[in-house]
Amino acid sequence: MKTKLLIYSFLFALLAMISCGGSDDSAEPSGDPGLPTLLTATATNVSGSGTSATLRGQINSTGGYEIIKYGFCWGTSPNPVRGVGNFQENSGGDVGQYTMDVSGFTAGDSYFIRAYAQNEKGIGYGPQVAFVPVAQITTEIATQIHSTKVLLRAHTIGTESNQVGFVYGISPNPMVSGDNIATIANGTTGFEMELTGLLPDTFYFVRAFKAVGNMYL
């Protein structure tokens, strides 16, 4: 009889442990349903200087509570949060799309952007979107064309560069990394250069470029 009691006690304890373990697993939280849910879209309407853009977001759910404020936060490090670094917001809000015009970007820098909305339970964020604002540069029509030389002109808008110039080659879309380069130090918004040493009766492709940090635009 004594042996049977010990066996029953052991089985009871084992069943209790299994029951408790199963209860803990099923109670594990799967998220925070009280927070707003959002979507972050890609930026649009980037200015010619690359310093401003239109940010776009969407509130998919209010989380069951009134939206207090909504907006965007951004920075050069992943997963930006409101109150740390750059953010812009409006009061109120409801389910639907929204946009904001934001300035203060640096052309050529990499940014991470997140849409967010706040209710009484806290702040919900949309997925982050990577964004690199790019300044505009235009290659103008070549003039004074001769058999072995040509005058090139270009116009650029935005961030000042310590190197501007032209890249050229006999294949379309020449690249700074692999084709012939002619550069000017400390270029301004408009610049020109006489390109010499060309081969007669040869068709060339030319693109203007500017260096912004480690990027060529």
N, C-alpha and C. Protein backbone atom coordinates (compact mmCIF):
# COMPACT_ATOMS: atom_id res chain seq x y z
N MET A 1 0.83 -1.20 0.00
CA MET A 1 0.00 0.00 0.00
C MET A 1 0.85 1.24 0.00
N LYS A 2 1.94 1.21 0.71
CA LYS A 2 2.80 2.37 0.82
C LYS A 2 3.39 2.69 -0.55
N THR A 3 3.77 1.62 -1.27
CA THR A 3 4.35 1.82 -2.59
C THR A 3 3.34 2.44 -3.54
N LYS A 4 2.09 2.01 -3.48
CA LYS A 4 1.04 2.54 -4.34
C LYS A 4 0.81 4.01 -4.07
N LEU A 5 0.82 4.44 -2.85
CA LEU A 5 0.61 5.84 -2.49
C LEU A 5 1.70 6.71 -3.07
N LEU A 6 2.93 6.22 -3.04
CA LEU A 6 4.05 6.98 -3.59
C LEU A 6 3.90 7.13 -5.11
N ILE A 7 3.47 6.08 -5.77
CA ILE A 7 3.27 6.12 -7.22
C ILE A 7 2.18 7.11 -7.58
N TYR A 8 1.06 7.08 -6.84
CA TYR A 8 -0.04 8.00 -7.10
C TYR A 8 0.39 9.44 -6.88
N SER A 9 1.17 9.69 -5.84
CA SER A 9 1.64 11.04 -5.54
C SER A 9 2.54 11.55 -6.67
N PHE A 10 3.39 10.67 -7.18
CA PHE A 10 4.30 11.07 -8.25
C PHE A 10 3.53 11.40 -9.53
N LEU A 11 2.54 10.54 -9.84
CA LEU A 11 1.74 10.81 -11.03
C LEU A 11 0.96 12.10 -10.90
N PHE A 12 0.44 12.40 -9.74
CA PHE A 12 -0.30 13.62 -9.51
C PHE A 12 0.60 14.85 -9.70
N ALA A 13 1.81 14.78 -9.16
CA ALA A 13 2.74 15.90 -9.29
C ALA A 13 3.14 16.11 -10.75
N LEU A 14 3.34 15.01 -11.49
CA LEU A 14 3.72 15.09 -12.89
C LEU A 14 2.61 15.72 -13.72
N LEU A 15 1.38 15.30 -13.47
CA LEU A 15 0.24 15.86 -14.19
C LEU A 15 0.07 17.34 -13.89
N ALA A 16 0.31 17.71 -12.63
CA ALA A 16 0.18 19.11 -12.25
C ALA A 16 1.22 19.96 -12.99
N MET A 17 2.46 19.45 -13.12
CA MET A 17 3.51 20.18 -13.81
C MET A 17 3.18 20.35 -15.28
N ILE A 18 2.66 19.29 -15.90
CA ILE A 18 2.28 19.37 -17.32
C ILE A 18 1.16 20.38 -17.52
N SER A 19 0.19 20.36 -16.60
CA SER A 19 -0.96 21.26 -16.69
C SER A 19 -0.51 22.71 -16.57
N CYS A 20 0.38 23.00 -15.62
CA CYS A 20 0.86 24.36 -15.42
C CYS A 20 1.68 24.82 -16.61
N GLY A 21 2.50 23.91 -17.15
CA GLY A 21 3.32 24.28 -18.30
C GLY A 21 2.47 24.65 -19.49
N GLY A 22 1.43 23.90 -19.75
CA GLY A 22 0.55 24.20 -20.86
C GLY A 22 -0.16 25.51 -20.66
N SER A 23 -0.54 25.84 -19.45
CA SER A 23 -1.23 27.10 -19.17
C SER A 23 -0.33 28.29 -19.44
N ASP A 24 0.96 28.19 -19.07
CA ASP A 24 1.90 29.30 -19.28
C ASP A 24 2.09 29.57 -20.76
N ASP A 25 2.21 28.50 -21.58
CA ASP A 25 2.42 28.68 -23.01
C ASP A 25 1.24 29.38 -23.67
N SER A 26 0.03 29.02 -23.33
CA SER A 26 -1.14 29.60 -23.97
C SER A 26 -1.37 31.04 -23.54
N ALA A 27 -0.80 31.42 -22.41
CA ALA A 27 -1.01 32.79 -21.92
C ALA A 27 0.06 33.75 -22.42
N GLU A 28 1.03 33.25 -23.23
CA GLU A 28 2.10 34.12 -23.69
C GLU A 28 1.52 35.19 -24.61
N PRO A 29 1.82 36.47 -24.38
CA PRO A 29 1.22 37.54 -25.19
C PRO A 29 1.69 37.47 -26.63
N SER A 30 0.81 37.78 -27.58
CA SER A 30 1.13 37.74 -29.00
C SER A 30 1.28 39.13 -29.58
N GLY A 31 1.23 40.18 -28.78
CA GLY A 31 1.33 41.54 -29.28
C GLY A 31 0.68 42.50 -28.32
N ASP A 32 0.57 43.76 -28.71
CA ASP A 32 -0.09 44.76 -27.87
C ASP A 32 -1.25 45.34 -28.66
N PRO A 33 -2.44 44.72 -28.54
CA PRO A 33 -3.58 45.14 -29.37
C PRO A 33 -4.09 46.54 -29.05
N GLY A 34 -3.64 47.15 -27.96
CA GLY A 34 -4.13 48.47 -27.62
C GLY A 34 -3.43 49.60 -28.34
N LEU A 35 -2.29 49.33 -28.99
CA LEU A 35 -1.54 50.37 -29.69
C LEU A 35 -2.03 50.53 -31.13
N PRO A 36 -1.90 51.72 -31.68
CA PRO A 36 -2.24 51.91 -33.10
C PRO A 36 -1.30 51.09 -33.98
N THR A 37 -1.79 50.68 -35.14
CA THR A 37 -0.95 50.01 -36.14
C THR A 37 -0.86 50.90 -37.36
N LEU A 38 0.33 50.93 -37.97
CA LEU A 38 0.58 51.86 -39.07
C LEU A 38 1.39 51.24 -40.19
N LEU A 39 1.44 51.95 -41.30
CA LEU A 39 2.27 51.61 -42.44
C LEU A 39 3.09 52.84 -42.80
N THR A 40 4.37 52.65 -43.07
CA THR A 40 5.24 53.73 -43.55
C THR A 40 5.49 53.52 -45.04
N ALA A 41 5.21 54.55 -45.84
CA ALA A 41 5.41 54.46 -47.29
C ALA A 41 6.69 55.19 -47.68
N THR A 42 7.10 55.02 -48.92
CA THR A 42 8.31 55.67 -49.40
C THR A 42 8.08 57.18 -49.56
N ALA A 43 9.14 57.95 -49.35
CA ALA A 43 9.07 59.40 -49.48
C ALA A 43 8.93 59.80 -50.95
N THR A 44 8.27 60.92 -51.19
CA THR A 44 8.09 61.42 -52.56
C THR A 44 8.42 62.92 -52.59
N ASN A 45 8.32 63.49 -53.80
CA ASN A 45 8.50 64.94 -54.00
C ASN A 45 9.81 65.45 -53.40
N VAL A 46 10.88 64.71 -53.64
CA VAL A 46 12.19 65.16 -53.15
C VAL A 46 12.59 66.43 -53.90
N SER A 47 13.00 67.44 -53.19
CA SER A 47 13.35 68.72 -53.81
C SER A 47 14.62 68.58 -54.64
N GLY A 48 14.83 69.53 -55.53
CA GLY A 48 16.01 69.51 -56.38
C GLY A 48 17.30 69.54 -55.59
N SER A 49 17.28 70.18 -54.43
CA SER A 49 18.47 70.25 -53.58
C SER A 49 18.67 69.00 -52.74
N GLY A 50 17.64 68.14 -52.67
CA GLY A 50 17.73 66.93 -51.86
C GLY A 50 17.60 67.18 -50.38
N THR A 51 17.10 68.37 -50.00
CA THR A 51 17.01 68.72 -48.58
C THR A 51 15.60 68.62 -48.01
N SER A 52 14.60 68.39 -48.84
CA SER A 52 13.23 68.27 -48.35
C SER A 52 12.48 67.21 -49.15
N ALA A 53 11.42 66.68 -48.56
CA ALA A 53 10.63 65.64 -49.21
C ALA A 53 9.28 65.54 -48.53
N THR A 54 8.37 64.83 -49.16
CA THR A 54 7.06 64.54 -48.59
C THR A 54 7.07 63.13 -48.02
N LEU A 55 6.82 63.01 -46.71
CA LEU A 55 6.76 61.70 -46.07
C LEU A 55 5.32 61.21 -46.06
N ARG A 56 5.14 59.89 -46.21
CA ARG A 56 3.80 59.33 -46.33
C ARG A 56 3.60 58.18 -45.34
N GLY A 57 2.45 58.17 -44.72
CA GLY A 57 2.13 57.10 -43.78
C GLY A 57 0.65 56.77 -43.81
N GLN A 58 0.28 55.72 -43.08
CA GLN A 58 -1.12 55.32 -43.01
C GLN A 58 -1.42 54.70 -41.65
N ILE A 59 -2.47 55.18 -41.00
CA ILE A 59 -2.94 54.58 -39.76
C ILE A 59 -3.94 53.48 -40.13
N ASN A 60 -3.58 52.24 -39.86
CA ASN A 60 -4.46 51.11 -40.18
C ASN A 60 -5.49 50.86 -39.09
N SER A 61 -5.11 51.09 -37.84
CA SER A 61 -6.00 50.85 -36.71
C SER A 61 -5.65 51.81 -35.58
N THR A 62 -6.67 52.28 -34.88
CA THR A 62 -6.44 53.17 -33.73
C THR A 62 -6.14 52.40 -32.47
N GLY A 63 -6.24 51.06 -32.53
CA GLY A 63 -6.05 50.24 -31.34
C GLY A 63 -7.25 50.24 -30.40
N GLY A 64 -8.34 50.84 -30.86
CA GLY A 64 -9.55 50.89 -30.04
C GLY A 64 -9.64 52.13 -29.16
N TYR A 65 -8.69 53.04 -29.33
CA TYR A 65 -8.69 54.27 -28.53
C TYR A 65 -8.49 55.47 -29.45
N GLU A 66 -8.87 56.63 -28.98
CA GLU A 66 -8.75 57.85 -29.77
C GLU A 66 -7.27 58.20 -30.00
N ILE A 67 -6.95 58.58 -31.24
CA ILE A 67 -5.59 59.00 -31.57
C ILE A 67 -5.34 60.39 -31.00
N ILE A 68 -4.27 60.53 -30.24
CA ILE A 68 -3.91 61.82 -29.64
C ILE A 68 -3.05 62.64 -30.59
N LYS A 69 -2.06 62.00 -31.20
CA LYS A 69 -1.17 62.66 -32.15
C LYS A 69 -0.58 61.62 -33.10
N TYR A 70 -0.12 62.10 -34.24
CA TYR A 70 0.47 61.21 -35.24
C TYR A 70 1.55 61.98 -36.00
N GLY A 71 2.46 61.26 -36.62
CA GLY A 71 3.52 61.94 -37.36
C GLY A 71 4.57 60.99 -37.88
N PHE A 72 5.79 61.53 -38.01
CA PHE A 72 6.93 60.76 -38.49
C PHE A 72 8.15 61.06 -37.62
N CYS A 73 8.98 60.06 -37.45
CA CYS A 73 10.29 60.26 -36.82
C CYS A 73 11.34 59.69 -37.76
N TRP A 74 12.51 60.30 -37.76
CA TRP A 74 13.54 59.87 -38.69
C TRP A 74 14.92 60.19 -38.13
N GLY A 75 15.91 59.49 -38.66
CA GLY A 75 17.29 59.70 -38.25
C GLY A 75 18.22 58.85 -39.09
N THR A 76 19.50 58.96 -38.81
CA THR A 76 20.50 58.21 -39.57
C THR A 76 20.79 56.83 -38.96
N SER A 77 20.16 56.53 -37.84
CA SER A 77 20.29 55.20 -37.21
C SER A 77 18.97 54.45 -37.36
N PRO A 78 19.01 53.11 -37.45
CA PRO A 78 17.78 52.33 -37.62
C PRO A 78 16.82 52.48 -36.45
N ASN A 79 15.54 52.24 -36.75
CA ASN A 79 14.45 52.24 -35.77
C ASN A 79 14.37 53.52 -34.94
N PRO A 80 14.21 54.67 -35.61
CA PRO A 80 14.07 55.93 -34.86
C PRO A 80 12.79 55.92 -34.03
N VAL A 81 12.78 56.67 -32.94
CA VAL A 81 11.60 56.77 -32.08
C VAL A 81 11.28 58.23 -31.83
N ARG A 82 10.02 58.50 -31.54
CA ARG A 82 9.59 59.87 -31.26
C ARG A 82 10.28 60.37 -29.99
N GLY A 83 10.75 61.61 -30.05
CA GLY A 83 11.38 62.21 -28.89
C GLY A 83 12.88 62.04 -28.85
N VAL A 84 13.40 61.18 -29.71
CA VAL A 84 14.85 60.98 -29.80
C VAL A 84 15.26 61.31 -31.23
N GLY A 85 15.86 62.43 -31.46
CA GLY A 85 16.22 62.85 -32.81
C GLY A 85 15.10 63.65 -33.45
N ASN A 86 14.91 63.47 -34.72
CA ASN A 86 13.98 64.29 -35.50
C ASN A 86 12.58 63.68 -35.53
N PHE A 87 11.57 64.52 -35.35
CA PHE A 87 10.19 64.07 -35.52
C PHE A 87 9.32 65.27 -35.84
N GLN A 88 8.21 65.00 -36.49
CA GLN A 88 7.22 66.03 -36.82
C GLN A 88 5.85 65.41 -36.66
N GLU A 89 4.90 66.13 -36.05
CA GLU A 89 3.62 65.53 -35.74
C GLU A 89 2.48 66.53 -35.77
N ASN A 90 1.27 65.99 -35.84
CA ASN A 90 0.04 66.76 -35.73
C ASN A 90 -0.82 66.17 -34.63
N SER A 91 -1.76 66.95 -34.15
CA SER A 91 -2.70 66.47 -33.12
C SER A 91 -3.89 65.78 -33.75
N GLY A 92 -4.54 64.91 -32.97
CA GLY A 92 -5.72 64.21 -33.44
C GLY A 92 -5.34 63.08 -34.39
N GLY A 93 -6.24 62.80 -35.33
CA GLY A 93 -5.96 61.76 -36.31
C GLY A 93 -6.95 60.62 -36.25
N ASP A 94 -7.03 59.88 -37.35
CA ASP A 94 -7.94 58.74 -37.45
C ASP A 94 -7.37 57.78 -38.49
N VAL A 95 -8.07 56.69 -38.70
CA VAL A 95 -7.63 55.70 -39.68
C VAL A 95 -7.57 56.34 -41.07
N GLY A 96 -6.51 56.08 -41.79
CA GLY A 96 -6.37 56.61 -43.14
C GLY A 96 -4.95 57.06 -43.43
N GLN A 97 -4.75 57.54 -44.64
CA GLN A 97 -3.43 57.98 -45.08
C GLN A 97 -3.17 59.42 -44.65
N TYR A 98 -1.88 59.75 -44.50
CA TYR A 98 -1.51 61.13 -44.21
C TYR A 98 -0.11 61.41 -44.75
N THR A 99 0.18 62.67 -44.99
CA THR A 99 1.48 63.09 -45.50
C THR A 99 1.97 64.31 -44.72
N MET A 100 3.27 64.53 -44.75
CA MET A 100 3.87 65.71 -44.15
C MET A 100 5.07 66.13 -44.99
N ASP A 101 5.21 67.43 -45.20
CA ASP A 101 6.38 67.98 -45.88
C ASP A 101 7.46 68.25 -44.84
N VAL A 102 8.61 67.64 -45.05
CA VAL A 102 9.70 67.71 -44.07
C VAL A 102 10.95 68.26 -44.74
N SER A 103 11.68 69.12 -44.06
CA SER A 103 12.93 69.68 -44.58
C SER A 103 14.06 69.40 -43.59
N GLY A 104 15.27 69.75 -43.99
CA GLY A 104 16.41 69.56 -43.11
C GLY A 104 17.24 68.33 -43.42
N PHE A 105 16.91 67.63 -44.52
CA PHE A 105 17.72 66.48 -44.92
C PHE A 105 19.04 66.96 -45.53
N THR A 106 20.02 66.09 -45.56
CA THR A 106 21.28 66.34 -46.25
C THR A 106 21.36 65.40 -47.44
N ALA A 107 21.48 65.95 -48.63
CA ALA A 107 21.52 65.13 -49.84
C ALA A 107 22.67 64.14 -49.78
N GLY A 108 22.37 62.90 -50.11
CA GLY A 108 23.38 61.85 -50.12
C GLY A 108 23.48 61.06 -48.83
N ASP A 109 22.91 61.56 -47.73
CA ASP A 109 22.92 60.82 -46.47
C ASP A 109 21.81 59.78 -46.44
N SER A 110 22.01 58.72 -45.69
CA SER A 110 20.99 57.67 -45.54
C SER A 110 20.16 57.93 -44.30
N TYR A 111 18.84 57.86 -44.45
CA TYR A 111 17.91 58.08 -43.33
C TYR A 111 16.98 56.88 -43.17
N PHE A 112 16.48 56.72 -41.95
CA PHE A 112 15.44 55.74 -41.64
C PHE A 112 14.23 56.50 -41.14
N ILE A 113 13.06 56.17 -41.69
CA ILE A 113 11.83 56.89 -41.39
C ILE A 113 10.78 55.91 -40.88
N ARG A 114 10.04 56.34 -39.85
CA ARG A 114 8.92 55.54 -39.36
C ARG A 114 7.71 56.44 -39.10
N ALA A 115 6.55 55.99 -39.57
CA ALA A 115 5.30 56.64 -39.20
C ALA A 115 4.92 56.19 -37.80
N TYR A 116 4.25 57.06 -37.04
CA TYR A 116 3.81 56.67 -35.70
C TYR A 116 2.50 57.36 -35.35
N ALA A 117 1.81 56.81 -34.38
CA ALA A 117 0.60 57.41 -33.84
C ALA A 117 0.51 57.05 -32.36
N GLN A 118 -0.06 57.95 -31.58
CA GLN A 118 -0.13 57.76 -30.13
C GLN A 118 -1.58 57.79 -29.66
N ASN A 119 -1.95 56.83 -28.81
CA ASN A 119 -3.23 56.88 -28.10
C ASN A 119 -2.94 56.78 -26.61
N GLU A 120 -3.96 56.59 -25.80
CA GLU A 120 -3.75 56.58 -24.35
C GLU A 120 -2.95 55.38 -23.87
N LYS A 121 -2.82 54.36 -24.72
CA LYS A 121 -2.04 53.18 -24.36
C LYS A 121 -0.56 53.32 -24.69
N GLY A 122 -0.22 54.25 -25.58
CA GLY A 122 1.18 54.42 -25.95
C GLY A 122 1.33 54.75 -27.42
N ILE A 123 2.52 54.53 -27.95
CA ILE A 123 2.85 54.88 -29.34
C ILE A 123 3.05 53.61 -30.15
N GLY A 124 2.37 53.57 -31.28
CA GLY A 124 2.58 52.49 -32.25
C GLY A 124 3.37 53.01 -33.44
N TYR A 125 4.26 52.17 -33.97
CA TYR A 125 5.12 52.57 -35.08
C TYR A 125 4.87 51.69 -36.30
N GLY A 126 5.02 52.28 -37.47
CA GLY A 126 5.03 51.51 -38.69
C GLY A 126 6.42 50.99 -38.97
N PRO A 127 6.56 50.06 -39.91
CA PRO A 127 7.89 49.57 -40.27
C PRO A 127 8.76 50.72 -40.79
N GLN A 128 10.06 50.65 -40.54
CA GLN A 128 10.94 51.71 -41.01
C GLN A 128 11.18 51.58 -42.51
N VAL A 129 11.41 52.73 -43.14
CA VAL A 129 11.72 52.80 -44.57
C VAL A 129 13.03 53.55 -44.73
N ALA A 130 13.95 52.99 -45.50
CA ALA A 130 15.23 53.66 -45.78
C ALA A 130 15.03 54.70 -46.87
N PHE A 131 15.74 55.81 -46.75
CA PHE A 131 15.54 56.94 -47.66
C PHE A 131 16.87 57.66 -47.86
N VAL A 132 17.26 57.88 -49.11
CA VAL A 132 18.47 58.64 -49.42
C VAL A 132 18.06 59.79 -50.35
N PRO A 133 17.95 61.03 -49.84
CA PRO A 133 17.61 62.16 -50.71
C PRO A 133 18.76 62.48 -51.65
N VAL A 134 18.46 62.66 -52.91
CA VAL A 134 19.48 62.88 -53.93
C VAL A 134 19.26 64.23 -54.60
N ALA A 135 20.32 65.04 -54.66
CA ALA A 135 20.25 66.32 -55.35
C ALA A 135 20.26 66.10 -56.87
N GLN A 136 19.72 67.06 -57.58
CA GLN A 136 19.64 66.93 -59.02
C GLN A 136 20.88 67.50 -59.70
N ILE A 137 21.27 66.86 -60.79
CA ILE A 137 22.36 67.37 -61.62
C ILE A 137 21.99 67.11 -63.07
N THR A 138 22.20 68.10 -63.92
CA THR A 138 21.78 68.03 -65.31
C THR A 138 22.97 68.24 -66.23
N THR A 139 23.15 67.35 -67.19
CA THR A 139 24.17 67.50 -68.21
C THR A 139 23.56 68.24 -69.39
N GLU A 140 24.15 69.36 -69.75
CA GLU A 140 23.62 70.17 -70.85
C GLU A 140 24.19 69.72 -72.18
N ILE A 141 23.67 70.29 -73.26
CA ILE A 141 24.11 69.91 -74.61
C ILE A 141 25.55 70.36 -74.83
N ALA A 142 26.37 69.46 -75.34
CA ALA A 142 27.77 69.79 -75.62
C ALA A 142 27.86 70.80 -76.76
N THR A 143 28.86 71.68 -76.66
CA THR A 143 29.07 72.71 -77.69
C THR A 143 30.53 72.69 -78.13
N GLN A 144 30.82 73.49 -79.12
CA GLN A 144 32.19 73.62 -79.65
C GLN A 144 32.81 72.24 -79.89
N ILE A 145 32.07 71.45 -80.64
CA ILE A 145 32.50 70.07 -80.90
C ILE A 145 33.53 70.05 -82.02
N HIS A 146 34.69 69.48 -81.77
CA HIS A 146 35.75 69.30 -82.76
C HIS A 146 36.08 67.81 -82.86
N SER A 147 37.03 67.48 -83.68
CA SER A 147 37.33 66.07 -83.93
C SER A 147 37.88 65.37 -82.68
N THR A 148 38.63 66.09 -81.83
CA THR A 148 39.25 65.45 -80.67
C THR A 148 38.94 66.17 -79.35
N LYS A 149 38.08 67.17 -79.38
CA LYS A 149 37.75 67.88 -78.14
C LYS A 149 36.34 68.44 -78.21
N VAL A 150 35.80 68.75 -77.02
CA VAL A 150 34.43 69.25 -76.93
C VAL A 150 34.29 70.05 -75.64
N LEU A 151 33.38 71.02 -75.63
CA LEU A 151 33.11 71.80 -74.43
C LEU A 151 31.85 71.23 -73.77
N LEU A 152 31.98 70.82 -72.49
CA LEU A 152 30.87 70.23 -71.75
C LEU A 152 30.39 71.21 -70.68
N ARG A 153 29.08 71.22 -70.43
CA ARG A 153 28.50 72.07 -69.40
C ARG A 153 27.49 71.24 -68.58
N ALA A 154 27.34 71.63 -67.30
CA ALA A 154 26.37 70.96 -66.43
C ALA A 154 25.86 71.95 -65.40
N HIS A 155 24.73 71.59 -64.81
CA HIS A 155 24.11 72.42 -63.78
C HIS A 155 23.66 71.53 -62.64
N THR A 156 23.96 71.94 -61.43
CA THR A 156 23.59 71.13 -60.27
C THR A 156 22.86 71.97 -59.24
N ILE A 157 22.00 71.33 -58.47
CA ILE A 157 21.24 71.98 -57.41
C ILE A 157 21.53 71.26 -56.11
N GLY A 158 21.73 72.00 -55.05
CA GLY A 158 21.79 71.37 -53.74
C GLY A 158 23.14 71.44 -53.08
N THR A 159 23.42 70.38 -52.30
CA THR A 159 24.57 70.35 -51.42
C THR A 159 25.86 70.67 -52.15
N GLU A 160 26.67 71.56 -51.57
CA GLU A 160 27.95 71.91 -52.16
C GLU A 160 28.85 70.69 -52.18
N SER A 161 29.62 70.56 -53.25
CA SER A 161 30.48 69.40 -53.41
C SER A 161 31.93 69.83 -53.56
N ASN A 162 32.84 68.99 -53.09
CA ASN A 162 34.26 69.29 -53.27
C ASN A 162 34.79 68.69 -54.56
N GLN A 163 33.92 68.06 -55.34
CA GLN A 163 34.35 67.50 -56.61
C GLN A 163 33.16 67.37 -57.55
N VAL A 164 33.27 68.00 -58.69
CA VAL A 164 32.27 67.85 -59.74
C VAL A 164 33.02 67.57 -61.03
N GLY A 165 32.31 67.07 -62.03
CA GLY A 165 32.98 66.79 -63.29
C GLY A 165 32.11 65.99 -64.22
N PHE A 166 32.77 65.31 -65.13
CA PHE A 166 32.09 64.51 -66.13
C PHE A 166 32.74 63.13 -66.22
N VAL A 167 31.93 62.14 -66.46
CA VAL A 167 32.42 60.80 -66.72
C VAL A 167 31.95 60.43 -68.12
N TYR A 168 32.83 59.82 -68.91
CA TYR A 168 32.50 59.57 -70.31
C TYR A 168 33.09 58.24 -70.77
N GLY A 169 32.50 57.70 -71.83
CA GLY A 169 32.96 56.44 -72.39
C GLY A 169 32.23 56.15 -73.68
N ILE A 170 32.54 55.04 -74.29
CA ILE A 170 31.93 54.69 -75.57
C ILE A 170 30.72 53.78 -75.39
N SER A 171 30.38 53.44 -74.13
CA SER A 171 29.19 52.64 -73.82
C SER A 171 28.19 53.51 -73.07
N PRO A 172 26.88 53.21 -73.20
CA PRO A 172 25.86 54.01 -72.52
C PRO A 172 26.03 53.98 -71.00
N ASN A 173 25.55 55.03 -70.35
CA ASN A 173 25.56 55.15 -68.89
C ASN A 173 26.94 54.94 -68.27
N PRO A 174 27.93 55.74 -68.65
CA PRO A 174 29.27 55.58 -68.06
C PRO A 174 29.23 55.78 -66.55
N MET A 175 30.09 55.07 -65.83
CA MET A 175 30.12 55.11 -64.38
C MET A 175 31.44 55.68 -63.88
N VAL A 176 31.38 56.37 -62.75
CA VAL A 176 32.57 56.95 -62.15
C VAL A 176 33.59 55.88 -61.81
N SER A 177 33.13 54.70 -61.46
CA SER A 177 34.02 53.64 -60.99
C SER A 177 34.79 52.95 -62.10
N GLY A 178 34.34 53.11 -63.37
CA GLY A 178 34.99 52.30 -64.39
C GLY A 178 35.27 52.96 -65.72
N ASP A 179 34.93 54.24 -65.88
CA ASP A 179 35.12 54.89 -67.17
C ASP A 179 36.04 56.11 -67.01
N ASN A 180 36.23 56.83 -68.10
CA ASN A 180 37.09 58.00 -68.08
C ASN A 180 36.45 59.14 -67.29
N ILE A 181 37.24 59.83 -66.49
CA ILE A 181 36.73 60.88 -65.62
C ILE A 181 37.51 62.17 -65.84
N ALA A 182 36.79 63.28 -65.91
CA ALA A 182 37.40 64.60 -65.93
C ALA A 182 36.76 65.39 -64.81
N THR A 183 37.55 65.88 -63.85
CA THR A 183 36.99 66.50 -62.65
C THR A 183 37.45 67.94 -62.48
N ILE A 184 36.66 68.67 -61.70
CA ILE A 184 36.98 70.03 -61.29
C ILE A 184 36.84 70.08 -59.78
N ALA A 185 37.79 70.64 -59.08
CA ALA A 185 37.68 70.77 -57.63
C ALA A 185 36.79 71.96 -57.29
N ASN A 186 36.02 71.82 -56.21
CA ASN A 186 35.19 72.90 -55.69
C ASN A 186 34.26 73.48 -56.75
N GLY A 187 33.50 72.63 -57.37
CA GLY A 187 32.57 73.08 -58.39
C GLY A 187 31.40 73.85 -57.82
N THR A 188 30.82 74.72 -58.60
CA THR A 188 29.66 75.51 -58.19
C THR A 188 28.41 74.91 -58.82
N THR A 189 27.30 75.67 -58.77
CA THR A 189 26.05 75.14 -59.31
C THR A 189 26.09 74.99 -60.82
N GLY A 190 26.90 75.79 -61.51
CA GLY A 190 27.07 75.65 -62.94
C GLY A 190 28.55 75.52 -63.26
N PHE A 191 28.92 74.56 -64.07
CA PHE A 191 30.33 74.39 -64.38
C PHE A 191 30.49 73.87 -65.79
N GLU A 192 31.67 74.11 -66.36
CA GLU A 192 31.97 73.65 -67.71
C GLU A 192 33.41 73.18 -67.78
N MET A 193 33.69 72.37 -68.80
CA MET A 193 35.03 71.81 -68.94
C MET A 193 35.27 71.47 -70.41
N GLU A 194 36.48 71.76 -70.88
CA GLU A 194 36.86 71.34 -72.22
C GLU A 194 37.48 69.95 -72.12
N LEU A 195 36.87 69.02 -72.81
CA LEU A 195 37.34 67.64 -72.80
C LEU A 195 38.19 67.41 -74.04
N THR A 196 39.45 67.02 -73.84
CA THR A 196 40.38 66.83 -74.97
C THR A 196 40.85 65.37 -75.03
N GLY A 197 41.59 65.06 -76.07
CA GLY A 197 42.15 63.72 -76.22
C GLY A 197 41.15 62.68 -76.71
N LEU A 198 40.06 63.14 -77.31
CA LEU A 198 39.05 62.20 -77.82
C LEU A 198 39.48 61.62 -79.15
N LEU A 199 38.93 60.47 -79.49
CA LEU A 199 39.23 59.82 -80.76
C LEU A 199 38.31 60.36 -81.85
N PRO A 200 38.87 60.67 -83.02
CA PRO A 200 38.01 61.16 -84.11
C PRO A 200 36.99 60.11 -84.53
N ASP A 201 35.86 60.58 -85.02
CA ASP A 201 34.80 59.71 -85.57
C ASP A 201 34.35 58.64 -84.58
N THR A 202 34.32 59.01 -83.30
CA THR A 202 33.90 58.08 -82.24
C THR A 202 32.73 58.67 -81.48
N PHE A 203 31.72 57.85 -81.20
CA PHE A 203 30.53 58.31 -80.49
C PHE A 203 30.75 58.12 -78.99
N TYR A 204 30.62 59.20 -78.20
CA TYR A 204 30.84 59.15 -76.76
C TYR A 204 29.54 59.40 -75.99
N PHE A 205 29.46 58.76 -74.82
CA PHE A 205 28.37 59.01 -73.87
C PHE A 205 28.96 59.78 -72.68
N VAL A 206 28.29 60.85 -72.27
CA VAL A 206 28.81 61.72 -71.21
C VAL A 206 27.75 61.95 -70.15
N ARG A 207 28.19 61.93 -68.88
CA ARG A 207 27.30 62.27 -67.76
C ARG A 207 28.05 63.16 -66.78
N ALA A 208 27.36 64.20 -66.30
CA ALA A 208 27.93 65.03 -65.24
C ALA A 208 27.74 64.32 -63.91
N PHE A 209 28.62 64.62 -62.93
CA PHE A 209 28.47 64.04 -61.60
C PHE A 209 28.98 65.03 -60.56
N LYS A 210 28.56 64.79 -59.32
CA LYS A 210 29.09 65.53 -58.18
C LYS A 210 29.29 64.56 -57.03
N ALA A 211 30.31 64.80 -56.25
CA ALA A 211 30.58 63.94 -55.10
C ALA A 211 29.97 64.57 -53.86
N VAL A 212 29.13 63.80 -53.16
CA VAL A 212 28.54 64.23 -51.90
C VAL A 212 28.89 63.17 -50.87
N GLY A 213 29.84 63.49 -49.99
CA GLY A 213 30.33 62.48 -49.06
C GLY A 213 31.01 61.38 -49.84
N ASN A 214 30.53 60.15 -49.67
CA ASN A 214 31.09 59.01 -50.39
C ASN A 214 30.24 58.60 -51.59
N MET A 215 29.28 59.47 -51.94
CA MET A 215 28.37 59.13 -53.03
C MET A 215 28.64 60.00 -54.24
N TYR A 216 28.37 59.44 -55.43
CA TYR A 216 28.43 60.21 -56.66
C TYR A 216 27.02 60.31 -57.21
N LEU A 217 26.59 61.55 -57.47
CA LEU A 217 25.22 61.78 -57.94
C LEU A 217 25.25 62.18 -59.42
